[in-house]
């Protein structure tokens, strides 16, 4: 059994939406994207990178999968230190709407009753 480590970017007032870019996720009319990156210093960046590099894989929700799969496979050269492990390591996606084979390499939709832990495959 593996350990699940949660890495969440959340503002003090509970915002978890679109931390990286202004247009990352405008769902519900959200207009404050990119709120997080301006506060990342070198120590924080290294800690985030270490967590990604050291991870055995990634457990993603469908919306995060959609955002990541749309960006990281084509990330610019200066972001390859993050892109390479995200692209090459296994990714498991919890979704009620995705099915079948996923386009982003090494990505699998989890099947079964995820809330109960019974019948989970992937």
PDB file of N, CA and C in Angstrom:
ATOM      1  N   UNK A   1       0.848  -1.175   0.000  1.00  0.00           N
ATOM      2  CA  UNK A   1       0.000   0.000   0.000  1.00  0.00           C
ATOM      3  C   UNK A   1       0.895   1.241   0.000  1.00  0.00           C
ATOM      4  N   UNK A   2       0.511   2.238  -0.781  1.00  0.00           N
ATOM      5  CA  UNK A   2       1.283   3.465  -0.866  1.00  0.00           C
ATOM      6  C   UNK A   2       0.693   4.538   0.032  1.00  0.00           C
ATOM      7  N   UNK A   3       1.531   5.475   0.390  1.00  0.00           N
ATOM      8  CA  UNK A   3       1.104   6.629   1.165  1.00  0.00           C
ATOM      9  C   UNK A   3       0.651   7.718   0.197  1.00  0.00           C
ATOM     10  N   UNK A   4      -0.488   8.346   0.486  1.00  0.00           N
ATOM     11  CA  UNK A   4      -0.966   9.472  -0.319  1.00  0.00           C
ATOM     12  C   UNK A   4      -0.600  10.758   0.406  1.00  0.00           C
ATOM     13  N   UNK A   5       0.150  11.610  -0.272  1.00  0.00           N
ATOM     14  CA  UNK A   5       0.550  12.896   0.281  1.00  0.00           C
ATOM     15  C   UNK A   5      -0.187  13.972  -0.507  1.00  0.00           C
ATOM     16  N   UNK A   6      -0.913  14.815   0.180  1.00  0.00           N
ATOM     17  CA  UNK A   6      -1.681  15.867  -0.476  1.00  0.00           C
ATOM     18  C   UNK A   6      -0.853  17.134  -0.558  1.00  0.00           C
ATOM     19  N   UNK A   7      -0.804  17.698  -1.747  1.00  0.00           N
ATOM     20  CA  UNK A   7      -0.118  18.965  -1.982  1.00  0.00           C
ATOM     21  C   UNK A   7      -1.167  19.908  -2.551  1.00  0.00           C
ATOM     22  N   UNK A   8      -1.593  20.860  -1.757  1.00  0.00           N
ATOM     23  CA  UNK A   8      -2.677  21.762  -2.155  1.00  0.00           C
ATOM     24  C   UNK A   8      -2.227  23.198  -2.027  1.00  0.00           C
ATOM     25  N   UNK A   9      -2.461  23.985  -3.069  1.00  0.00           N
ATOM     26  CA  UNK A   9      -2.188  25.413  -3.012  1.00  0.00           C
ATOM     27  C   UNK A   9      -3.490  26.106  -2.654  1.00  0.00           C
ATOM     28  N   UNK A  10      -3.540  26.695  -1.465  1.00  0.00           N
ATOM     29  CA  UNK A  10      -4.762  27.319  -0.982  1.00  0.00           C
ATOM     30  C   UNK A  10      -4.440  28.654  -0.329  1.00  0.00           C
ATOM     31  N   UNK A  11      -5.246  29.668  -0.661  1.00  0.00           N
ATOM     32  CA  UNK A  11      -5.066  30.972  -0.033  1.00  0.00           C
ATOM     33  C   UNK A  11      -5.640  30.929   1.381  1.00  0.00           C
ATOM     34  N   UNK A  12      -5.311  31.914   2.189  1.00  0.00           N
ATOM     35  CA  UNK A  12      -5.812  31.958   3.563  1.00  0.00           C
ATOM     36  C   UNK A  12      -7.330  32.020   3.639  1.00  0.00           C
ATOM     37  N   UNK A  13      -7.964  32.544   2.594  1.00  0.00           N
ATOM     38  CA  UNK A  13      -9.433  32.600   2.597  1.00  0.00           C
ATOM     39  C   UNK A  13     -10.066  31.420   1.865  1.00  0.00           C
ATOM     40  N   UNK A  14      -9.286  30.371   1.601  1.00  0.00           N
ATOM     41  CA  UNK A  14      -9.829  29.123   1.077  1.00  0.00           C
ATOM     42  C   UNK A  14      -9.872  28.970  -0.432  1.00  0.00           C
ATOM     43  N   UNK A  15      -9.241  29.850  -1.181  1.00  0.00           N
ATOM     44  CA  UNK A  15      -9.243  29.730  -2.639  1.00  0.00           C
ATOM     45  C   UNK A  15      -8.232  28.683  -3.066  1.00  0.00           C
ATOM     46  N   UNK A  16      -8.686  27.692  -3.846  1.00  0.00           N
ATOM     47  CA  UNK A  16      -7.793  26.679  -4.396  1.00  0.00           C
ATOM     48  C   UNK A  16      -7.797  26.705  -5.920  1.00  0.00           C
ATOM     49  N   UNK A  17      -8.530  27.607  -6.510  1.00  0.00           N
ATOM     50  CA  UNK A  17      -8.715  27.665  -7.954  1.00  0.00           C
ATOM     51  C   UNK A  17      -7.638  28.495  -8.640  1.00  0.00           C
ATOM     52  N   UNK A  18      -7.131  27.979  -9.745  1.00  0.00           N
ATOM     53  CA  UNK A  18      -6.235  28.687 -10.659  1.00  0.00           C
ATOM     54  C   UNK A  18      -5.055  29.385  -9.980  1.00  0.00           C
ATOM     55  N   UNK A  19      -4.209  28.642  -9.258  1.00  0.00           N
ATOM     56  CA  UNK A  19      -3.086  29.315  -8.608  1.00  0.00           C
ATOM     57  C   UNK A  19      -1.984  29.747  -9.565  1.00  0.00           C
ATOM     58  N   UNK A  20      -1.859  29.084 -10.726  1.00  0.00           N
ATOM     59  CA  UNK A  20      -0.697  29.308 -11.556  1.00  0.00           C
ATOM     60  C   UNK A  20      -0.773  30.358 -12.634  1.00  0.00           C
ATOM     61  N   UNK A  21      -1.946  30.558 -13.230  1.00  0.00           N
ATOM     62  CA  UNK A  21      -2.029  31.434 -14.397  1.00  0.00           C
ATOM     63  C   UNK A  21      -3.388  32.116 -14.443  1.00  0.00           C
ATOM     64  N   UNK A  22      -3.423  33.321 -14.965  1.00  0.00           N
ATOM     65  CA  UNK A  22      -4.663  34.102 -15.014  1.00  0.00           C
ATOM     66  C   UNK A  22      -5.791  33.380 -15.742  1.00  0.00           C
ATOM     67  N   UNK A  23      -5.465  32.629 -16.781  1.00  0.00           N
ATOM     68  CA  UNK A  23      -6.486  31.933 -17.563  1.00  0.00           C
ATOM     69  C   UNK A  23      -6.562  30.439 -17.265  1.00  0.00           C
ATOM     70  N   UNK A  24      -5.916  29.998 -16.205  1.00  0.00           N
ATOM     71  CA  UNK A  24      -5.840  28.572 -15.898  1.00  0.00           C
ATOM     72  C   UNK A  24      -7.214  27.939 -15.685  1.00  0.00           C
ATOM     73  N   UNK A  25      -8.068  28.586 -14.929  1.00  0.00           N
ATOM     74  CA  UNK A  25      -9.406  28.040 -14.654  1.00  0.00           C
ATOM     75  C   UNK A  25     -10.332  29.197 -14.309  1.00  0.00           C
ATOM     76  N   UNK A  26     -11.146  29.573 -15.261  1.00  0.00           N
ATOM     77  CA  UNK A  26     -12.067  30.700 -15.067  1.00  0.00           C
ATOM     78  C   UNK A  26     -13.484  30.216 -14.752  1.00  0.00           C
ATOM     79  N   UNK A  27     -13.618  28.956 -14.364  1.00  0.00           N
ATOM     80  CA  UNK A  27     -14.916  28.384 -14.030  1.00  0.00           C
ATOM     81  C   UNK A  27     -15.651  29.262 -13.026  1.00  0.00           C
ATOM     82  N   UNK A  28     -16.936  29.465 -13.266  1.00  0.00           N
ATOM     83  CA  UNK A  28     -17.752  30.261 -12.358  1.00  0.00           C
ATOM     84  C   UNK A  28     -17.428  31.742 -12.392  1.00  0.00           C
ATOM     85  N   UNK A  29     -16.745  32.195 -13.448  1.00  0.00           N
ATOM     86  CA  UNK A  29     -16.392  33.609 -13.552  1.00  0.00           C
ATOM     87  C   UNK A  29     -15.184  34.011 -12.716  1.00  0.00           C
ATOM     88  N   UNK A  30     -14.385  33.031 -12.261  1.00  0.00           N
ATOM     89  CA  UNK A  30     -13.209  33.331 -11.431  1.00  0.00           C
ATOM     90  C   UNK A  30     -12.227  34.193 -12.217  1.00  0.00           C
ATOM     91  N   UNK A  31     -11.861  35.347 -11.665  1.00  0.00           N
ATOM     92  CA  UNK A  31     -11.021  36.316 -12.367  1.00  0.00           C
ATOM     93  C   UNK A  31      -9.694  36.600 -11.650  1.00  0.00           C
ATOM     94  N   UNK A  32      -9.321  35.738 -10.716  1.00  0.00           N
ATOM     95  CA  UNK A  32      -8.122  36.028  -9.936  1.00  0.00           C
ATOM     96  C   UNK A  32      -7.039  34.958 -10.119  1.00  0.00           C
ATOM     97  N   UNK A  33      -7.021  34.322 -11.280  1.00  0.00           N
ATOM     98  CA  UNK A  33      -6.021  33.292 -11.549  1.00  0.00           C
ATOM     99  C   UNK A  33      -4.607  33.833 -11.446  1.00  0.00           C
ATOM    100  N   UNK A  34      -3.689  32.959 -11.085  1.00  0.00           N
ATOM    101  CA  UNK A  34      -2.294  33.342 -10.950  1.00  0.00           C
ATOM    102  C   UNK A  34      -1.959  33.958  -9.605  1.00  0.00           C
ATOM    103  N   UNK A  35      -2.857  33.842  -8.658  1.00  0.00           N
ATOM    104  CA  UNK A  35      -2.670  34.465  -7.342  1.00  0.00           C
ATOM    105  C   UNK A  35      -1.508  33.868  -6.567  1.00  0.00           C
ATOM    106  N   UNK A  36      -1.096  32.654  -6.874  1.00  0.00           N
ATOM    107  CA  UNK A  36      -0.104  31.950  -6.057  1.00  0.00           C
ATOM    108  C   UNK A  36       1.343  32.190  -6.487  1.00  0.00           C
ATOM    109  N   UNK A  37       1.602  32.180  -7.768  1.00  0.00           N
ATOM    110  CA  UNK A  37       2.979  32.176  -8.258  1.00  0.00           C
ATOM    111  C   UNK A  37       3.790  33.395  -7.820  1.00  0.00           C
ATOM    112  N   UNK A  38       3.167  34.520  -7.650  1.00  0.00           N
ATOM    113  CA  UNK A  38       3.899  35.722  -7.250  1.00  0.00           C
ATOM    114  C   UNK A  38       4.476  35.622  -5.837  1.00  0.00           C
ATOM    115  N   UNK A  39       3.986  34.667  -5.051  1.00  0.00           N
ATOM    116  CA  UNK A  39       4.449  34.517  -3.671  1.00  0.00           C
ATOM    117  C   UNK A  39       5.454  33.381  -3.494  1.00  0.00           C
ATOM    118  N   UNK A  40       5.780  32.667  -4.561  1.00  0.00           N
ATOM    119  CA  UNK A  40       6.719  31.550  -4.469  1.00  0.00           C
ATOM    120  C   UNK A  40       8.153  32.074  -4.485  1.00  0.00           C
ATOM    121  N   UNK A  41       8.897  31.795  -3.434  1.00  0.00           N
ATOM    122  CA  UNK A  41      10.306  32.168  -3.417  1.00  0.00           C
ATOM    123  C   UNK A  41      11.143  30.947  -3.808  1.00  0.00           C
ATOM    124  N   UNK A  42      12.474  31.085  -3.836  1.00  0.00           N
ATOM    125  CA  UNK A  42      13.339  29.988  -4.261  1.00  0.00           C
ATOM    126  C   UNK A  42      13.209  28.760  -3.364  1.00  0.00           C
ATOM    127  N   UNK A  43      13.074  28.961  -2.065  1.00  0.00           N
ATOM    128  CA  UNK A  43      12.936  27.849  -1.131  1.00  0.00           C
ATOM    129  C   UNK A  43      11.631  27.092  -1.410  1.00  0.00           C
ATOM    130  N   UNK A  44      10.557  27.826  -1.612  1.00  0.00           N
ATOM    131  CA  UNK A  44       9.263  27.206  -1.912  1.00  0.00           C
ATOM    132  C   UNK A  44       9.305  26.450  -3.234  1.00  0.00           C
ATOM    133  N   UNK A  45       9.916  27.046  -4.244  1.00  0.00           N
ATOM    134  CA  UNK A  45      10.026  26.388  -5.558  1.00  0.00           C
ATOM    135  C   UNK A  45      10.790  25.070  -5.432  1.00  0.00           C
ATOM    136  N   UNK A  46      11.886  25.089  -4.694  1.00  0.00           N
ATOM    137  CA  UNK A  46      12.677  23.869  -4.524  1.00  0.00           C
ATOM    138  C   UNK A  46      11.895  22.792  -3.782  1.00  0.00           C
ATOM    139  N   UNK A  47      11.096  23.192  -2.824  1.00  0.00           N
ATOM    140  CA  UNK A  47      10.284  22.230  -2.076  1.00  0.00           C
ATOM    141  C   UNK A  47       9.206  21.607  -2.968  1.00  0.00           C
ATOM    142  N   UNK A  48       8.557  22.431  -3.786  1.00  0.00           N
ATOM    143  CA  UNK A  48       7.552  21.931  -4.729  1.00  0.00           C
ATOM    144  C   UNK A  48       8.208  20.971  -5.719  1.00  0.00           C
ATOM    145  N   UNK A  49       9.343  21.369  -6.276  1.00  0.00           N
ATOM    146  CA  UNK A  49      10.053  20.525  -7.231  1.00  0.00           C
ATOM    147  C   UNK A  49      10.464  19.199  -6.592  1.00  0.00           C
ATOM    148  N   UNK A  50      10.985  19.232  -5.377  1.00  0.00           N
ATOM    149  CA  UNK A  50      11.391  18.003  -4.691  1.00  0.00           C
ATOM    150  C   UNK A  50      10.202  17.063  -4.511  1.00  0.00           C
ATOM    151  N   UNK A  51       9.054  17.600  -4.152  1.00  0.00           N
ATOM    152  CA  UNK A  51       7.867  16.773  -3.989  1.00  0.00           C
ATOM    153  C   UNK A  51       7.459  16.094  -5.285  1.00  0.00           C
ATOM    154  N   UNK A  52       7.584  16.798  -6.391  1.00  0.00           N
ATOM    155  CA  UNK A  52       7.235  16.234  -7.696  1.00  0.00           C
ATOM    156  C   UNK A  52       8.255  15.179  -8.117  1.00  0.00           C
ATOM    157  N   UNK A  53       9.534  15.486  -7.953  1.00  0.00           N
ATOM    158  CA  UNK A  53      10.599  14.570  -8.355  1.00  0.00           C
ATOM    159  C   UNK A  53      10.575  13.290  -7.506  1.00  0.00           C
ATOM    160  N   UNK A  54      10.312  13.416  -6.219  1.00  0.00           N
ATOM    161  CA  UNK A  54      10.346  12.270  -5.313  1.00  0.00           C
ATOM    162  C   UNK A  54       9.075  11.422  -5.340  1.00  0.00           C
ATOM    163  N   UNK A  55       8.000  11.940  -5.907  1.00  0.00           N
ATOM    164  CA  UNK A  55       6.728  11.214  -5.933  1.00  0.00           C
ATOM    165  C   UNK A  55       6.829   9.950  -6.785  1.00  0.00           C
ATOM    166  N   UNK A  56       6.102   8.920  -6.366  1.00  0.00           N
ATOM    167  CA  UNK A  56       6.035   7.695  -7.153  1.00  0.00           C
ATOM    168  C   UNK A  56       4.993   7.793  -8.257  1.00  0.00           C
ATOM    169  N   UNK A  57       4.102   8.748  -8.145  1.00  0.00           N
ATOM    170  CA  UNK A  57       3.036   8.960  -9.121  1.00  0.00           C
ATOM    171  C   UNK A  57       2.129  10.054  -8.597  1.00  0.00           C
ATOM    172  N   UNK A  58       1.064  10.320  -9.331  1.00  0.00           N
ATOM    173  CA  UNK A  58       0.190  11.441  -8.982  1.00  0.00           C
ATOM    174  C   UNK A  58      -1.274  11.018  -9.040  1.00  0.00           C
ATOM    175  N   UNK A  59      -2.025  11.395  -8.018  1.00  0.00           N
ATOM    176  CA  UNK A  59      -3.463  11.173  -7.955  1.00  0.00           C
ATOM    177  C   UNK A  59      -4.131  12.513  -8.239  1.00  0.00           C
ATOM    178  N   UNK A  60      -4.890  12.580  -9.323  1.00  0.00           N
ATOM    179  CA  UNK A  60      -5.476  13.836  -9.775  1.00  0.00           C
ATOM    180  C   UNK A  60      -6.986  13.716  -9.897  1.00  0.00           C
ATOM    181  N   UNK A  61      -7.673  14.821  -9.676  1.00  0.00           N
ATOM    182  CA  UNK A  61      -9.080  14.906 -10.028  1.00  0.00           C
ATOM    183  C   UNK A  61      -9.190  15.244 -11.502  1.00  0.00           C
ATOM    184  N   UNK A  62     -10.378  15.128 -12.064  1.00  0.00           N
ATOM    185  CA  UNK A  62     -10.567  15.344 -13.490  1.00  0.00           C
ATOM    186  C   UNK A  62     -10.217  16.752 -13.930  1.00  0.00           C
ATOM    187  N   UNK A  63     -10.622  17.762 -13.184  1.00  0.00           N
ATOM    188  CA  UNK A  63     -10.315  19.143 -13.600  1.00  0.00           C
ATOM    189  C   UNK A  63      -8.817  19.413 -13.569  1.00  0.00           C
ATOM    190  N   UNK A  64      -8.129  18.948 -12.543  1.00  0.00           N
ATOM    191  CA  UNK A  64      -6.674  19.123 -12.489  1.00  0.00           C
ATOM    192  C   UNK A  64      -6.010  18.349 -13.621  1.00  0.00           C
ATOM    193  N   UNK A  65      -6.503  17.136 -13.870  1.00  0.00           N
ATOM    194  CA  UNK A  65      -5.971  16.356 -14.992  1.00  0.00           C
ATOM    195  C   UNK A  65      -6.109  17.149 -16.299  1.00  0.00           C
ATOM    196  N   UNK A  66      -7.287  17.689 -16.556  1.00  0.00           N
ATOM    197  CA  UNK A  66      -7.509  18.444 -17.795  1.00  0.00           C
ATOM    198  C   UNK A  66      -6.531  19.613 -17.925  1.00  0.00           C
ATOM    199  N   UNK A  67      -6.336  20.354 -16.848  1.00  0.00           N
ATOM    200  CA  UNK A  67      -5.421  21.504 -16.874  1.00  0.00           C
ATOM    201  C   UNK A  67      -3.981  21.042 -17.081  1.00  0.00           C
ATOM    202  N   UNK A  68      -3.544  20.049 -16.307  1.00  0.00           N
ATOM    203  CA  UNK A  68      -2.169  19.555 -16.420  1.00  0.00           C
ATOM    204  C   UNK A  68      -1.909  18.935 -17.792  1.00  0.00           C
ATOM    205  N   UNK A  69      -2.845  18.086 -18.260  1.00  0.00           N
ATOM    206  CA  UNK A  69      -2.658  17.398 -19.540  1.00  0.00           C
ATOM    207  C   UNK A  69      -2.638  18.383 -20.703  1.00  0.00           C
ATOM    208  N   UNK A  70      -3.263  19.519 -20.530  1.00  0.00           N
ATOM    209  CA  UNK A  70      -3.248  20.537 -21.567  1.00  0.00           C
ATOM    210  C   UNK A  70      -1.990  21.386 -21.571  1.00  0.00           C
ATOM    211  N   UNK A  71      -1.223  21.313 -20.479  1.00  0.00           N
ATOM    212  CA  UNK A  71      -0.045  22.181 -20.375  1.00  0.00           C
ATOM    213  C   UNK A  71       1.284  21.411 -20.356  1.00  0.00           C
ATOM    214  N   UNK A  72       1.439  20.467 -19.428  1.00  0.00           N
ATOM    215  CA  UNK A  72       2.753  19.880 -19.163  1.00  0.00           C
ATOM    216  C   UNK A  72       3.363  19.088 -20.312  1.00  0.00           C
ATOM    217  N   UNK A  73       2.603  18.392 -21.162  1.00  0.00           N
ATOM    218  CA  UNK A  73       3.249  17.691 -22.275  1.00  0.00           C
ATOM    219  C   UNK A  73       3.938  18.636 -23.267  1.00  0.00           C
ATOM    220  N   UNK A  74       3.534  19.892 -23.280  1.00  0.00           N
ATOM    221  CA  UNK A  74       4.126  20.878 -24.202  1.00  0.00           C
ATOM    222  C   UNK A  74       4.784  22.034 -23.470  1.00  0.00           C
ATOM    223  N   UNK A  75       5.200  21.806 -22.242  1.00  0.00           N
ATOM    224  CA  UNK A  75       5.807  22.863 -21.420  1.00  0.00           C
ATOM    225  C   UNK A  75       7.104  23.352 -22.051  1.00  0.00           C
ATOM    226  N   UNK A  76       7.418  24.637 -21.866  1.00  0.00           N
ATOM    227  CA  UNK A  76       8.664  25.181 -22.426  1.00  0.00           C
ATOM    228  C   UNK A  76       9.906  24.576 -21.764  1.00  0.00           C
ATOM    229  N   UNK A  77      11.014  24.728 -22.430  1.00  0.00           N
ATOM    230  CA  UNK A  77      12.289  24.151 -21.980  1.00  0.00           C
ATOM    231  C   UNK A  77      12.623  24.536 -20.538  1.00  0.00           C
ATOM    232  N   UNK A  78      12.374  25.787 -20.155  1.00  0.00           N
ATOM    233  CA  UNK A  78      12.741  26.231 -18.799  1.00  0.00           C
ATOM    234  C   UNK A  78      11.899  25.573 -17.701  1.00  0.00           C
ATOM    235  N   UNK A  79      10.838  24.856 -18.062  1.00  0.00           N
ATOM    236  CA  UNK A  79      10.003  24.173 -17.071  1.00  0.00           C
ATOM    237  C   UNK A  79      10.133  22.652 -17.127  1.00  0.00           C
ATOM    238  N   UNK A  80      11.127  22.153 -17.853  1.00  0.00           N
ATOM    239  CA  UNK A  80      11.277  20.717 -18.016  1.00  0.00           C
ATOM    240  C   UNK A  80      11.656  19.987 -16.727  1.00  0.00           C
ATOM    241  N   UNK A  81      12.255  20.672 -15.766  1.00  0.00           N
ATOM    242  CA  UNK A  81      12.564  20.019 -14.485  1.00  0.00           C
ATOM    243  C   UNK A  81      11.289  19.555 -13.790  1.00  0.00           C
ATOM    244  N   UNK A  82      10.195  20.277 -14.004  1.00  0.00           N
ATOM    245  CA  UNK A  82       8.888  19.884 -13.452  1.00  0.00           C
ATOM    246  C   UNK A  82       8.142  19.017 -14.462  1.00  0.00           C
ATOM    247  N   UNK A  83       8.185  19.378 -15.722  1.00  0.00           N
ATOM    248  CA  UNK A  83       7.426  18.675 -16.759  1.00  0.00           C
ATOM    249  C   UNK A  83       7.845  17.224 -16.905  1.00  0.00           C
ATOM    250  N   UNK A  84       9.134  16.943 -16.869  1.00  0.00           N
ATOM    251  CA  UNK A  84       9.610  15.577 -17.112  1.00  0.00           C
ATOM    252  C   UNK A  84       9.021  14.578 -16.122  1.00  0.00           C
ATOM    253  N   UNK A  85       9.117  14.806 -14.801  1.00  0.00           N
ATOM    254  CA  UNK A  85       8.502  13.823 -13.896  1.00  0.00           C
ATOM    255  C   UNK A  85       6.974  13.793 -14.004  1.00  0.00           C
ATOM    256  N   UNK A  86       6.348  14.944 -14.221  1.00  0.00           N
ATOM    257  CA  UNK A  86       4.889  14.942 -14.373  1.00  0.00           C
ATOM    258  C   UNK A  86       4.475  14.148 -15.608  1.00  0.00           C
ATOM    259  N   UNK A  87       5.220  14.271 -16.671  1.00  0.00           N
ATOM    260  CA  UNK A  87       4.882  13.562 -17.903  1.00  0.00           C
ATOM    261  C   UNK A  87       5.204  12.076 -17.849  1.00  0.00           C
ATOM    262  N   UNK A  88       6.294  11.713 -17.208  1.00  0.00           N
ATOM    263  CA  UNK A  88       6.756  10.326 -17.282  1.00  0.00           C
ATOM    264  C   UNK A  88       6.224   9.415 -16.177  1.00  0.00           C
ATOM    265  N   UNK A  89       5.895   9.959 -15.032  1.00  0.00           N
ATOM    266  CA  UNK A  89       5.432   9.125 -13.916  1.00  0.00           C
ATOM    267  C   UNK A  89       3.950   8.773 -14.073  1.00  0.00           C
ATOM    268  N   UNK A  90       3.514   7.684 -13.410  1.00  0.00           N
ATOM    269  CA  UNK A  90       2.101   7.303 -13.515  1.00  0.00           C
ATOM    270  C   UNK A  90       1.178   8.346 -12.888  1.00  0.00           C
ATOM    271  N   UNK A  91       0.017   8.471 -13.519  1.00  0.00           N
ATOM    272  CA  UNK A  91      -1.009   9.401 -13.038  1.00  0.00           C
ATOM    273  C   UNK A  91      -2.317   8.632 -12.957  1.00  0.00           C
ATOM    274  N   UNK A  92      -2.994   8.708 -11.812  1.00  0.00           N
ATOM    275  CA  UNK A  92      -4.294   8.082 -11.626  1.00  0.00           C
ATOM    276  C   UNK A  92      -5.308   9.200 -11.485  1.00  0.00           C
ATOM    277  N   UNK A  93      -6.396   9.105 -12.233  1.00  0.00           N
ATOM    278  CA  UNK A  93      -7.371  10.184 -12.303  1.00  0.00           C
ATOM    279  C   UNK A  93      -8.708   9.714 -11.746  1.00  0.00           C
ATOM    280  N   UNK A  94      -9.185  10.419 -10.719  1.00  0.00           N
ATOM    281  CA  UNK A  94     -10.506  10.150 -10.150  1.00  0.00           C
ATOM    282  C   UNK A  94     -11.515  10.986 -10.924  1.00  0.00           C
ATOM    283  N   UNK A  95     -12.440  10.306 -11.618  1.00  0.00           N
ATOM    284  CA  UNK A  95     -13.407  11.023 -12.449  1.00  0.00           C
ATOM    285  C   UNK A  95     -14.667  10.195 -12.640  1.00  0.00           C
ATOM    286  N   UNK A  96     -15.789  10.879 -12.657  1.00  0.00           N
ATOM    287  CA  UNK A  96     -17.060  10.230 -12.999  1.00  0.00           C
ATOM    288  C   UNK A  96     -17.376  10.417 -14.482  1.00  0.00           C
ATOM    289  N   UNK A  97     -16.615  11.268 -15.174  1.00  0.00           N
ATOM    290  CA  UNK A  97     -16.944  11.596 -16.560  1.00  0.00           C
ATOM    291  C   UNK A  97     -15.924  11.093 -17.582  1.00  0.00           C
ATOM    292  N   UNK A  98     -14.685  10.905 -17.204  1.00  0.00           N
ATOM    293  CA  UNK A  98     -13.685  10.382 -18.134  1.00  0.00           C
ATOM    294  C   UNK A  98     -13.785   8.860 -18.187  1.00  0.00           C
ATOM    295  N   UNK A  99     -13.560   8.311 -19.362  1.00  0.00           N
ATOM    296  CA  UNK A  99     -13.518   6.866 -19.495  1.00  0.00           C
ATOM    297  C   UNK A  99     -12.518   6.490 -20.566  1.00  0.00           C
ATOM    298  N   UNK A 100     -12.111   5.247 -20.541  1.00  0.00           N
ATOM    299  CA  UNK A 100     -11.216   4.742 -21.570  1.00  0.00           C
ATOM    300  C   UNK A 100      -9.800   5.245 -21.423  1.00  0.00           C
ATOM    301  N   UNK A 101      -9.067   5.124 -22.519  1.00  0.00           N
ATOM    302  CA  UNK A 101      -7.658   5.517 -22.525  1.00  0.00           C
ATOM    303  C   UNK A 101      -7.534   7.036 -22.547  1.00  0.00           C
ATOM    304  N   UNK A 102      -6.622   7.554 -21.723  1.00  0.00           N
ATOM    305  CA  UNK A 102      -6.398   8.995 -21.639  1.00  0.00           C
ATOM    306  C   UNK A 102      -5.218   9.384 -22.525  1.00  0.00           C
ATOM    307  N   UNK A 103      -5.254  10.600 -23.051  1.00  0.00           N
ATOM    308  CA  UNK A 103      -4.245  11.072 -23.998  1.00  0.00           C
ATOM    309  C   UNK A 103      -2.881  11.319 -23.351  1.00  0.00           C
ATOM    310  N   UNK A 104      -2.851  11.812 -22.098  1.00  0.00           N
ATOM    311  CA  UNK A 104      -1.576  12.136 -21.452  1.00  0.00           C
ATOM    312  C   UNK A 104      -0.895  10.842 -21.050  1.00  0.00           C
ATOM    313  N   UNK A 105       0.340  10.675 -21.462  1.00  0.00           N
ATOM    314  CA  UNK A 105       1.067   9.428 -21.217  1.00  0.00           C
ATOM    315  C   UNK A 105       1.030   9.007 -19.759  1.00  0.00           C
ATOM    316  N   UNK A 106       0.933   7.697 -19.545  1.00  0.00           N
ATOM    317  CA  UNK A 106       0.954   7.077 -18.216  1.00  0.00           C
ATOM    318  C   UNK A 106      -0.198   7.528 -17.325  1.00  0.00           C
ATOM    319  N   UNK A 107      -1.354   7.871 -17.928  1.00  0.00           N
ATOM    320  CA  UNK A 107      -2.526   8.298 -17.166  1.00  0.00           C
ATOM    321  C   UNK A 107      -3.603   7.222 -17.243  1.00  0.00           C
ATOM    322  N   UNK A 108      -4.231   6.963 -16.096  1.00  0.00           N
ATOM    323  CA  UNK A 108      -5.256   5.932 -15.992  1.00  0.00           C
ATOM    324  C   UNK A 108      -6.438   6.466 -15.198  1.00  0.00           C
ATOM    325  N   UNK A 109      -7.638   6.246 -15.700  1.00  0.00           N
ATOM    326  CA  UNK A 109      -8.839   6.602 -14.952  1.00  0.00           C
ATOM    327  C   UNK A 109      -9.086   5.514 -13.912  1.00  0.00           C
ATOM    328  N   UNK A 110      -9.297   5.915 -12.664  1.00  0.00           N
ATOM    329  CA  UNK A 110      -9.639   4.959 -11.615  1.00  0.00           C
ATOM    330  C   UNK A 110     -11.090   4.542 -11.788  1.00  0.00           C
ATOM    331  N   UNK A 111     -11.356   3.270 -11.596  1.00  0.00           N
ATOM    332  CA  UNK A 111     -12.705   2.759 -11.753  1.00  0.00           C
ATOM    333  C   UNK A 111     -13.191   2.170 -10.442  1.00  0.00           C
ATOM    334  N   UNK A 112     -14.480   2.133 -10.270  1.00  0.00           N
ATOM    335  CA  UNK A 112     -15.064   1.556  -9.070  1.00  0.00           C
ATOM    336  C   UNK A 112     -15.568   2.622  -8.130  1.00  0.00           C
ATOM    337  N   UNK A 113     -15.946   2.206  -6.954  1.00  0.00           N
ATOM    338  CA  UNK A 113     -16.493   3.100  -5.926  1.00  0.00           C
ATOM    339  C   UNK A 113     -15.328   3.658  -5.127  1.00  0.00           C
ATOM    340  N   UNK A 114     -14.829   4.823  -5.548  1.00  0.00           N
ATOM    341  CA  UNK A 114     -13.641   5.393  -4.915  1.00  0.00           C
ATOM    342  C   UNK A 114     -13.885   5.806  -3.471  1.00  0.00           C
ATOM    343  N   UNK A 115     -15.087   6.253  -3.162  1.00  0.00           N
ATOM    344  CA  UNK A 115     -15.390   6.696  -1.803  1.00  0.00           C
ATOM    345  C   UNK A 115     -15.286   5.551  -0.811  1.00  0.00           C
ATOM    346  N   UNK A 116     -15.690   4.360  -1.193  1.00  0.00           N
ATOM    347  CA  UNK A 116     -15.655   3.223  -0.273  1.00  0.00           C
ATOM    348  C   UNK A 116     -14.339   2.457  -0.353  1.00  0.00           C
ATOM    349  N   UNK A 117     -13.608   2.649  -1.448  1.00  0.00           N
ATOM    350  CA  UNK A 117     -12.365   1.917  -1.633  1.00  0.00           C
ATOM    351  C   UNK A 117     -12.580   0.524  -2.200  1.00  0.00           C
ATOM    352  N   UNK A 118     -13.841   0.159  -2.471  1.00  0.00           N
ATOM    353  CA  UNK A 118     -14.124  -1.164  -3.038  1.00  0.00           C
ATOM    354  C   UNK A 118     -14.185  -1.077  -4.547  1.00  0.00           C
ATOM    355  N   UNK A 119     -13.579  -2.049  -5.190  1.00  0.00           N
ATOM    356  CA  UNK A 119     -13.655  -2.133  -6.634  1.00  0.00           C
ATOM    357  C   UNK A 119     -12.761  -1.126  -7.349  1.00  0.00           C
ATOM    358  N   UNK A 120     -11.829  -0.524  -6.638  1.00  0.00           N
ATOM    359  CA  UNK A 120     -10.952   0.459  -7.263  1.00  0.00           C
ATOM    360  C   UNK A 120      -9.901  -0.272  -8.075  1.00  0.00           C
ATOM    361  N   UNK A 121      -9.789   0.129  -9.347  1.00  0.00           N
ATOM    362  CA  UNK A 121      -8.788  -0.462 -10.210  1.00  0.00           C
ATOM    363  C   UNK A 121      -8.075   0.656 -10.944  1.00  0.00           C
ATOM    364  N   UNK A 122      -6.882   0.384 -11.389  1.00  0.00           N
ATOM    365  CA  UNK A 122      -6.147   1.373 -12.167  1.00  0.00           C
ATOM    366  C   UNK A 122      -4.705   1.354 -11.842  1.00  0.00           C
TER     367      UNK A 122
END
